[in-house]
Every structure is written in structure tokens, then in C-alpha cells.
């Protein structure tokens, strides 16, 4: 009697797996809302920050007076205020005072995330420490609980 050798079928190629395998469920992120503009800035000499897209969205021109305050989680919040101590300069820079920078551990050369909310004329400035706090759950998951 003759033995039959079973056919050798190669494993599916990566492309075939992408086409035929079930799709992993995707976590849907909440809508960020239509009225937020993000930007990045580096703290320059004297605490100056600026981003053209953010400035354009807020419409804060030269001479706009702004009230700037620190939030408990390390961010800075700015809103237009006729009695504000900070003035937008002719080049569109906003100057963060030294004492306020120290309060949120913000140093010259640090990158900050800017979030502008044009509908209510508000600006949030997130220094590295505030971003670390906000991103800690994601970082912990990414590193599998390893603290560095």
C-alpha cells in the first residue's frame, strides 16, 4: 500500500492575516470639540511664549491685557482682562512672569503645550510637569508599571 503525504500548506502571509483576521475593537476617543486650537512653544528669554496659530485663533493683538494664573495641577490659565498685569507685545509674545514660572517649575528652554479655546477667549499653558501628571496613566500602561 502506498502512503500519501499530506499537502504542505504554508502559514498565511501577513497581508492575508490583515485581510481575513478579525479586527481588534478600537477604543473611540471622545471628540475634542470643534473649538480648540493646539500649539507648541518654547519658553524664550524673559519667559516669552508664542504660537502663530494659537494667537490667530484667540485674536489677541498687540496691547491685549491678560490675566495669567496657576492652576492646582500645574497648568497656567490666561484670559483677557482690561486690568491684567500681562500685555501681549507687538510681536505676539506673551511673557510669563518669573514668579509664576517658578511656581509651576517652568524654565527657559522648556517646551509647553498651548491649548486655545477661541469661543471663550481662554488659553491653557501646560508646562512639562503638568503634562507629566496628565500623561502618567498612559506612561504607566506603556511601560507596564515600570517607574523610571
N, C-alpha and C. Protein backbone atom coordinates (compact mmCIF):
# COMPACT_ATOMS: atom_id res chain seq x y z
N UNK A 1 0.82 -1.15 0.00
CA UNK A 1 0.00 0.00 0.00
C UNK A 1 0.89 1.24 0.00
N UNK A 2 0.45 2.27 -0.72
CA UNK A 2 1.23 3.49 -0.85
C UNK A 2 0.70 4.52 0.14
N UNK A 3 1.66 5.10 0.93
CA UNK A 3 1.26 6.16 1.86
C UNK A 3 1.21 7.49 1.12
N UNK A 4 0.19 8.26 1.43
CA UNK A 4 0.02 9.58 0.82
C UNK A 4 0.56 10.63 1.78
N UNK A 5 1.39 11.49 1.23
CA UNK A 5 1.95 12.56 2.05
C UNK A 5 0.97 13.73 2.01
N UNK A 6 0.59 14.25 3.20
CA UNK A 6 -0.36 15.38 3.19
C UNK A 6 0.29 16.62 2.58
N UNK A 7 -0.53 17.40 1.95
CA UNK A 7 -0.03 18.63 1.32
C UNK A 7 0.48 19.59 2.39
N UNK A 8 1.56 20.24 2.07
CA UNK A 8 2.14 21.21 2.99
C UNK A 8 1.59 22.60 2.63
N UNK A 9 0.83 23.17 3.56
CA UNK A 9 0.24 24.48 3.33
C UNK A 9 1.00 25.49 4.18
N UNK A 10 1.62 26.50 3.54
CA UNK A 10 2.37 27.49 4.31
C UNK A 10 1.43 28.33 5.18
N UNK A 11 1.95 28.87 6.27
CA UNK A 11 1.11 29.72 7.11
C UNK A 11 0.70 30.97 6.32
N UNK A 12 -0.42 31.56 6.70
CA UNK A 12 -0.87 32.75 5.96
C UNK A 12 0.14 33.89 6.06
N UNK A 13 0.27 34.59 4.97
CA UNK A 13 1.18 35.74 4.91
C UNK A 13 0.59 36.89 5.72
N UNK A 14 1.43 37.83 6.15
CA UNK A 14 0.92 38.96 6.92
C UNK A 14 -0.22 39.72 6.23
N UNK A 15 -0.14 39.88 4.90
CA UNK A 15 -1.19 40.58 4.19
C UNK A 15 -2.50 39.80 4.28
N UNK A 16 -2.41 38.48 4.13
CA UNK A 16 -3.61 37.65 4.23
C UNK A 16 -4.21 37.75 5.64
N UNK A 17 -3.36 37.83 6.64
CA UNK A 17 -3.87 37.96 8.01
C UNK A 17 -4.61 39.28 8.18
N UNK A 18 -4.07 40.34 7.60
CA UNK A 18 -4.73 41.63 7.70
C UNK A 18 -6.09 41.62 7.03
N UNK A 19 -6.19 40.90 5.92
CA UNK A 19 -7.43 40.87 5.16
C UNK A 19 -8.47 39.98 5.83
N UNK A 20 -8.04 38.81 6.31
CA UNK A 20 -9.01 37.83 6.79
C UNK A 20 -9.20 37.77 8.30
N UNK A 21 -8.23 38.21 9.08
CA UNK A 21 -8.37 38.14 10.53
C UNK A 21 -9.40 39.15 11.04
N UNK A 22 -10.03 38.83 12.16
CA UNK A 22 -10.98 39.79 12.72
C UNK A 22 -10.26 41.06 13.19
N UNK A 23 -10.95 42.15 13.13
CA UNK A 23 -10.38 43.43 13.51
C UNK A 23 -10.51 43.60 15.02
N UNK A 24 -9.42 44.03 15.64
CA UNK A 24 -9.46 44.31 17.07
C UNK A 24 -10.39 45.49 17.32
N UNK A 25 -11.14 45.43 18.41
CA UNK A 25 -12.01 46.57 18.70
C UNK A 25 -11.17 47.82 18.98
N UNK A 26 -11.60 48.92 18.44
CA UNK A 26 -10.88 50.18 18.59
C UNK A 26 -11.57 51.01 19.67
N UNK A 27 -10.77 51.55 20.56
CA UNK A 27 -11.32 52.43 21.58
C UNK A 27 -11.57 53.78 20.93
N UNK A 28 -12.80 54.21 20.96
CA UNK A 28 -13.13 55.50 20.37
C UNK A 28 -12.83 56.60 21.37
N UNK A 29 -12.04 57.55 20.93
CA UNK A 29 -11.69 58.67 21.79
C UNK A 29 -12.79 59.71 21.73
N UNK A 30 -12.99 60.43 22.82
CA UNK A 30 -14.03 61.46 22.79
C UNK A 30 -13.66 62.57 21.82
N UNK A 31 -14.67 63.18 21.25
CA UNK A 31 -14.45 64.29 20.33
C UNK A 31 -13.81 65.45 21.09
N UNK A 32 -12.77 66.03 20.53
CA UNK A 32 -12.06 67.12 21.22
C UNK A 32 -12.84 68.42 21.18
N UNK A 33 -13.92 68.43 20.46
CA UNK A 33 -14.69 69.66 20.34
C UNK A 33 -14.16 70.46 19.16
N UNK A 34 -15.01 71.24 18.56
CA UNK A 34 -14.60 71.98 17.38
C UNK A 34 -13.84 73.25 17.69
N UNK A 35 -13.81 73.63 18.94
CA UNK A 35 -13.27 74.94 19.24
C UNK A 35 -12.05 74.87 20.15
N UNK A 36 -11.05 74.13 19.72
CA UNK A 36 -9.78 74.12 20.45
C UNK A 36 -8.66 74.12 19.42
N UNK A 37 -7.66 74.94 19.66
CA UNK A 37 -6.50 75.02 18.77
C UNK A 37 -5.27 74.75 19.62
N UNK A 38 -4.48 73.76 19.18
CA UNK A 38 -3.28 73.40 19.93
C UNK A 38 -2.04 73.99 19.27
N UNK A 39 -1.05 74.26 20.09
CA UNK A 39 0.22 74.74 19.59
C UNK A 39 1.33 74.38 20.56
N UNK A 40 2.55 74.53 20.09
CA UNK A 40 3.72 74.29 20.93
C UNK A 40 4.56 75.55 20.94
N UNK A 41 5.19 75.80 22.06
CA UNK A 41 6.08 76.95 22.17
C UNK A 41 7.24 76.58 23.08
N UNK A 42 8.34 77.27 22.89
CA UNK A 42 9.50 77.11 23.76
C UNK A 42 9.63 78.40 24.56
N UNK A 43 9.85 78.26 25.85
CA UNK A 43 9.98 79.43 26.71
C UNK A 43 11.30 80.12 26.39
N UNK A 44 11.19 81.34 25.88
CA UNK A 44 12.37 82.11 25.49
C UNK A 44 12.78 83.05 26.63
N UNK A 45 13.80 83.85 26.35
CA UNK A 45 14.31 84.76 27.38
C UNK A 45 13.18 85.63 27.95
N UNK A 46 13.23 85.81 29.24
CA UNK A 46 12.21 86.61 29.90
C UNK A 46 10.87 85.92 30.03
N UNK A 47 10.80 84.63 29.69
CA UNK A 47 9.55 83.89 29.81
C UNK A 47 8.59 84.08 28.66
N UNK A 48 9.11 84.52 27.49
CA UNK A 48 8.24 84.76 26.34
C UNK A 48 7.80 83.46 25.69
N UNK A 49 6.51 83.37 25.34
CA UNK A 49 5.99 82.24 24.57
C UNK A 49 5.10 82.79 23.47
N UNK A 50 5.01 82.07 22.36
CA UNK A 50 4.13 82.46 21.27
C UNK A 50 3.95 81.30 20.30
N UNK A 51 2.78 81.24 19.70
CA UNK A 51 2.49 80.32 18.61
C UNK A 51 1.52 81.06 17.69
N UNK A 52 1.87 81.16 16.41
CA UNK A 52 1.07 81.96 15.47
C UNK A 52 -0.36 81.46 15.33
N UNK A 53 -0.55 80.14 15.25
CA UNK A 53 -1.90 79.60 15.09
C UNK A 53 -2.76 79.88 16.32
N UNK A 54 -2.17 79.71 17.48
CA UNK A 54 -2.90 79.97 18.73
C UNK A 54 -3.25 81.45 18.84
N UNK A 55 -2.29 82.32 18.54
CA UNK A 55 -2.53 83.76 18.62
C UNK A 55 -3.62 84.19 17.64
N UNK A 56 -3.58 83.63 16.43
CA UNK A 56 -4.59 83.98 15.43
C UNK A 56 -5.98 83.50 15.87
N UNK A 57 -6.04 82.31 16.45
CA UNK A 57 -7.33 81.77 16.88
C UNK A 57 -7.94 82.61 18.00
N UNK A 58 -7.11 83.07 18.92
CA UNK A 58 -7.61 83.87 20.04
C UNK A 58 -7.90 85.31 19.65
N UNK A 59 -7.20 85.80 18.63
CA UNK A 59 -7.39 87.18 18.20
C UNK A 59 -6.82 88.20 19.17
N UNK A 60 -5.88 87.76 20.00
CA UNK A 60 -5.25 88.68 20.95
C UNK A 60 -4.16 89.45 20.22
N UNK A 61 -4.41 90.70 19.94
CA UNK A 61 -3.43 91.52 19.25
C UNK A 61 -2.50 92.23 20.21
N UNK A 62 -1.61 92.98 19.63
CA UNK A 62 -0.65 93.76 20.41
C UNK A 62 -1.40 94.68 21.38
N UNK A 63 -0.97 94.67 22.63
CA UNK A 63 -1.58 95.52 23.63
C UNK A 63 -2.71 94.87 24.41
N UNK A 64 -3.14 93.67 24.00
CA UNK A 64 -4.19 92.98 24.75
C UNK A 64 -3.67 92.66 26.15
N UNK A 65 -4.41 93.07 27.16
CA UNK A 65 -4.03 92.79 28.54
C UNK A 65 -4.63 91.45 28.95
N UNK A 66 -3.81 90.67 29.67
CA UNK A 66 -4.18 89.30 30.01
C UNK A 66 -3.94 89.04 31.49
N UNK A 67 -4.85 88.29 32.10
CA UNK A 67 -4.66 87.80 33.46
C UNK A 67 -4.16 86.37 33.35
N UNK A 68 -3.05 86.08 34.00
CA UNK A 68 -2.44 84.75 33.94
C UNK A 68 -2.35 84.21 35.36
N UNK A 69 -2.85 82.98 35.55
CA UNK A 69 -2.83 82.40 36.89
C UNK A 69 -2.47 80.92 36.81
N UNK A 70 -1.96 80.40 37.93
CA UNK A 70 -1.57 78.99 38.01
C UNK A 70 -2.73 78.18 38.55
N UNK A 71 -2.95 77.01 37.94
CA UNK A 71 -3.97 76.09 38.43
C UNK A 71 -3.31 75.09 39.37
N UNK A 72 -4.11 74.38 40.15
CA UNK A 72 -3.55 73.47 41.15
C UNK A 72 -2.79 72.30 40.54
N UNK A 73 -3.08 71.93 39.30
CA UNK A 73 -2.39 70.80 38.68
C UNK A 73 -1.17 71.22 37.86
N UNK A 74 -0.75 72.48 37.96
CA UNK A 74 0.48 72.91 37.33
C UNK A 74 0.34 73.62 36.01
N UNK A 75 -0.86 73.74 35.49
CA UNK A 75 -1.07 74.47 34.24
C UNK A 75 -1.22 75.95 34.54
N UNK A 76 -1.09 76.75 33.50
CA UNK A 76 -1.33 78.19 33.60
C UNK A 76 -2.54 78.52 32.75
N UNK A 77 -3.42 79.36 33.26
CA UNK A 77 -4.62 79.77 32.53
C UNK A 77 -4.56 81.26 32.27
N UNK A 78 -4.87 81.64 31.02
CA UNK A 78 -4.85 83.05 30.63
C UNK A 78 -6.21 83.43 30.06
N UNK A 79 -6.64 84.64 30.40
CA UNK A 79 -7.86 85.18 29.82
C UNK A 79 -7.71 86.69 29.70
N UNK A 80 -8.36 87.28 28.70
CA UNK A 80 -8.23 88.73 28.54
C UNK A 80 -8.86 89.46 29.72
N UNK A 81 -8.18 90.50 30.17
CA UNK A 81 -8.66 91.27 31.33
C UNK A 81 -8.11 92.69 31.20
N UNK A 82 -8.99 93.69 31.13
CA UNK A 82 -8.52 95.07 30.99
C UNK A 82 -7.56 95.50 32.10
N UNK A 83 -7.65 94.87 33.27
CA UNK A 83 -6.74 95.18 34.37
C UNK A 83 -5.61 94.16 34.49
N UNK A 84 -5.47 93.27 33.51
CA UNK A 84 -4.45 92.23 33.56
C UNK A 84 -3.05 92.81 33.63
N UNK A 85 -2.17 92.11 34.33
CA UNK A 85 -0.80 92.58 34.53
C UNK A 85 0.11 92.27 33.34
N UNK A 86 -0.34 91.40 32.45
CA UNK A 86 0.50 90.98 31.33
C UNK A 86 -0.10 91.54 30.04
N UNK A 87 0.77 92.02 29.16
CA UNK A 87 0.34 92.59 27.89
C UNK A 87 0.97 91.82 26.74
N UNK A 88 0.17 91.51 25.72
CA UNK A 88 0.70 90.87 24.52
C UNK A 88 1.55 91.92 23.80
N UNK A 89 2.81 91.56 23.48
CA UNK A 89 3.69 92.55 22.86
C UNK A 89 3.43 92.63 21.35
N UNK A 90 4.02 93.60 20.65
CA UNK A 90 3.76 93.78 19.22
C UNK A 90 4.08 92.56 18.35
N UNK A 91 4.98 91.70 18.80
CA UNK A 91 5.31 90.51 18.02
C UNK A 91 4.43 89.31 18.39
N UNK A 92 3.47 89.51 19.27
CA UNK A 92 2.54 88.45 19.63
C UNK A 92 2.99 87.58 20.79
N UNK A 93 4.06 87.97 21.44
CA UNK A 93 4.55 87.18 22.58
C UNK A 93 3.77 87.50 23.84
N UNK A 94 3.62 86.46 24.64
CA UNK A 94 3.04 86.59 25.97
C UNK A 94 4.18 86.29 26.94
N UNK A 95 4.40 87.15 27.89
CA UNK A 95 5.52 86.98 28.82
C UNK A 95 5.00 86.43 30.14
N UNK A 96 5.51 85.24 30.52
CA UNK A 96 5.14 84.63 31.80
C UNK A 96 6.10 85.15 32.87
N UNK A 97 5.59 85.81 33.89
CA UNK A 97 6.46 86.36 34.93
C UNK A 97 7.28 85.28 35.65
N UNK A 98 8.44 85.70 36.11
CA UNK A 98 9.38 84.79 36.77
C UNK A 98 8.74 84.04 37.93
N UNK A 99 8.05 84.74 38.81
CA UNK A 99 7.45 84.07 39.98
C UNK A 99 6.43 83.03 39.58
N UNK A 100 5.67 83.29 38.54
CA UNK A 100 4.67 82.33 38.07
C UNK A 100 5.36 81.13 37.43
N UNK A 101 6.44 81.38 36.69
CA UNK A 101 7.21 80.27 36.10
C UNK A 101 7.77 79.37 37.19
N UNK A 102 8.30 79.94 38.24
CA UNK A 102 8.88 79.15 39.33
C UNK A 102 7.80 78.34 40.05
N UNK A 103 6.62 78.91 40.15
CA UNK A 103 5.52 78.23 40.85
C UNK A 103 5.13 76.93 40.15
N UNK A 104 5.27 76.88 38.82
CA UNK A 104 4.90 75.67 38.07
C UNK A 104 6.14 74.96 37.50
N UNK A 105 7.32 75.27 38.04
CA UNK A 105 8.58 74.65 37.59
C UNK A 105 8.79 74.77 36.09
N UNK A 106 8.61 75.94 35.58
CA UNK A 106 8.79 76.22 34.15
C UNK A 106 10.09 76.99 33.98
N UNK A 107 10.96 76.48 33.12
CA UNK A 107 12.29 77.06 32.95
C UNK A 107 12.51 77.51 31.51
N UNK A 108 13.45 78.42 31.32
CA UNK A 108 13.81 78.85 29.97
C UNK A 108 14.23 77.64 29.16
N UNK A 109 13.76 77.55 27.92
CA UNK A 109 14.09 76.42 27.06
C UNK A 109 13.09 75.28 27.14
N UNK A 110 12.20 75.28 28.14
CA UNK A 110 11.18 74.24 28.23
C UNK A 110 10.16 74.40 27.11
N UNK A 111 9.69 73.28 26.60
CA UNK A 111 8.60 73.30 25.63
C UNK A 111 7.28 73.24 26.40
N UNK A 112 6.30 73.99 25.94
CA UNK A 112 4.99 73.98 26.57
C UNK A 112 3.92 73.68 25.52
N UNK A 113 2.86 73.02 25.96
CA UNK A 113 1.71 72.77 25.10
C UNK A 113 0.72 73.90 25.35
N UNK A 114 0.26 74.51 24.27
CA UNK A 114 -0.72 75.58 24.36
C UNK A 114 -2.06 75.05 23.85
N UNK A 115 -3.12 75.32 24.58
CA UNK A 115 -4.47 74.95 24.16
C UNK A 115 -5.33 76.20 24.21
N UNK A 116 -5.73 76.67 23.04
CA UNK A 116 -6.55 77.88 22.95
C UNK A 116 -8.00 77.50 22.74
N UNK A 117 -8.87 78.18 23.45
CA UNK A 117 -10.32 77.99 23.32
C UNK A 117 -10.91 79.32 22.85
N UNK A 118 -10.94 79.51 21.52
CA UNK A 118 -11.34 80.81 20.96
C UNK A 118 -12.75 81.25 21.33
N UNK A 119 -13.69 80.31 21.45
CA UNK A 119 -15.07 80.69 21.74
C UNK A 119 -15.22 81.43 23.06
N UNK A 120 -14.36 81.11 24.02
CA UNK A 120 -14.44 81.78 25.33
C UNK A 120 -13.18 82.58 25.63
N UNK A 121 -12.32 82.74 24.62
CA UNK A 121 -11.08 83.54 24.75
C UNK A 121 -10.23 83.10 25.93
N UNK A 122 -9.94 81.83 26.00
CA UNK A 122 -9.12 81.28 27.08
C UNK A 122 -7.91 80.57 26.49
N UNK A 123 -6.82 80.59 27.25
CA UNK A 123 -5.60 79.89 26.85
C UNK A 123 -5.10 79.09 28.04
N UNK A 124 -4.76 77.83 27.79
CA UNK A 124 -4.12 77.00 28.81
C UNK A 124 -2.69 76.73 28.37
N UNK A 125 -1.76 76.90 29.28
CA UNK A 125 -0.34 76.64 29.03
C UNK A 125 0.06 75.47 29.92
N UNK A 126 0.50 74.37 29.29
CA UNK A 126 0.86 73.17 30.04
C UNK A 126 2.38 72.98 30.04
N UNK A 127 3.03 73.27 31.17
CA UNK A 127 4.47 73.03 31.30
C UNK A 127 4.76 71.53 31.36
N UNK A 128 6.03 71.12 31.25
CA UNK A 128 6.37 69.70 31.30
C UNK A 128 5.83 68.97 32.53
N UNK A 129 5.87 69.59 33.69
CA UNK A 129 5.37 68.94 34.90
C UNK A 129 3.88 68.64 34.84
N UNK A 130 3.11 69.58 34.30
CA UNK A 130 1.67 69.37 34.15
C UNK A 130 1.39 68.28 33.13
N UNK A 131 2.17 68.26 32.04
CA UNK A 131 1.99 67.20 31.04
C UNK A 131 2.34 65.84 31.63
N UNK A 132 3.38 65.79 32.44
CA UNK A 132 3.76 64.53 33.08
C UNK A 132 2.60 64.00 33.93
N UNK A 133 1.98 64.88 34.69
CA UNK A 133 0.84 64.49 35.53
C UNK A 133 -0.32 64.00 34.68
N UNK A 134 -0.63 64.73 33.60
CA UNK A 134 -1.74 64.35 32.73
C UNK A 134 -1.49 63.03 32.00
N UNK A 135 -0.23 62.78 31.64
CA UNK A 135 0.10 61.61 30.84
C UNK A 135 0.54 60.40 31.66
N UNK A 136 0.62 60.53 32.97
CA UNK A 136 1.11 59.45 33.82
C UNK A 136 0.35 58.13 33.63
N UNK A 137 -0.99 58.12 33.56
CA UNK A 137 -1.68 56.84 33.34
C UNK A 137 -1.26 56.15 32.04
N UNK A 138 -1.09 56.92 30.97
CA UNK A 138 -0.66 56.33 29.69
C UNK A 138 0.77 55.83 29.78
N UNK A 139 1.63 56.60 30.44
CA UNK A 139 3.03 56.21 30.58
C UNK A 139 3.15 54.92 31.38
N UNK A 140 2.39 54.82 32.45
CA UNK A 140 2.42 53.62 33.28
C UNK A 140 1.99 52.41 32.47
N UNK A 141 0.94 52.56 31.66
CA UNK A 141 0.47 51.45 30.84
C UNK A 141 1.50 51.08 29.77
N UNK A 142 2.10 52.09 29.16
CA UNK A 142 3.10 51.86 28.11
C UNK A 142 4.30 51.10 28.66
N UNK A 143 4.76 51.48 29.84
CA UNK A 143 5.95 50.86 30.42
C UNK A 143 5.62 49.66 31.29
N UNK A 144 4.36 49.27 31.34
CA UNK A 144 3.98 48.09 32.11
C UNK A 144 4.19 48.25 33.60
N UNK A 145 3.98 49.45 34.11
CA UNK A 145 4.11 49.69 35.54
C UNK A 145 5.52 49.98 35.99
N UNK A 146 6.49 49.91 35.07
CA UNK A 146 7.88 50.19 35.44
C UNK A 146 8.05 51.69 35.63
N UNK A 147 8.56 52.08 36.77
CA UNK A 147 8.79 53.51 37.04
C UNK A 147 10.24 53.83 36.74
N UNK A 148 10.45 54.91 36.03
CA UNK A 148 11.82 55.34 35.69
C UNK A 148 12.02 56.76 36.10
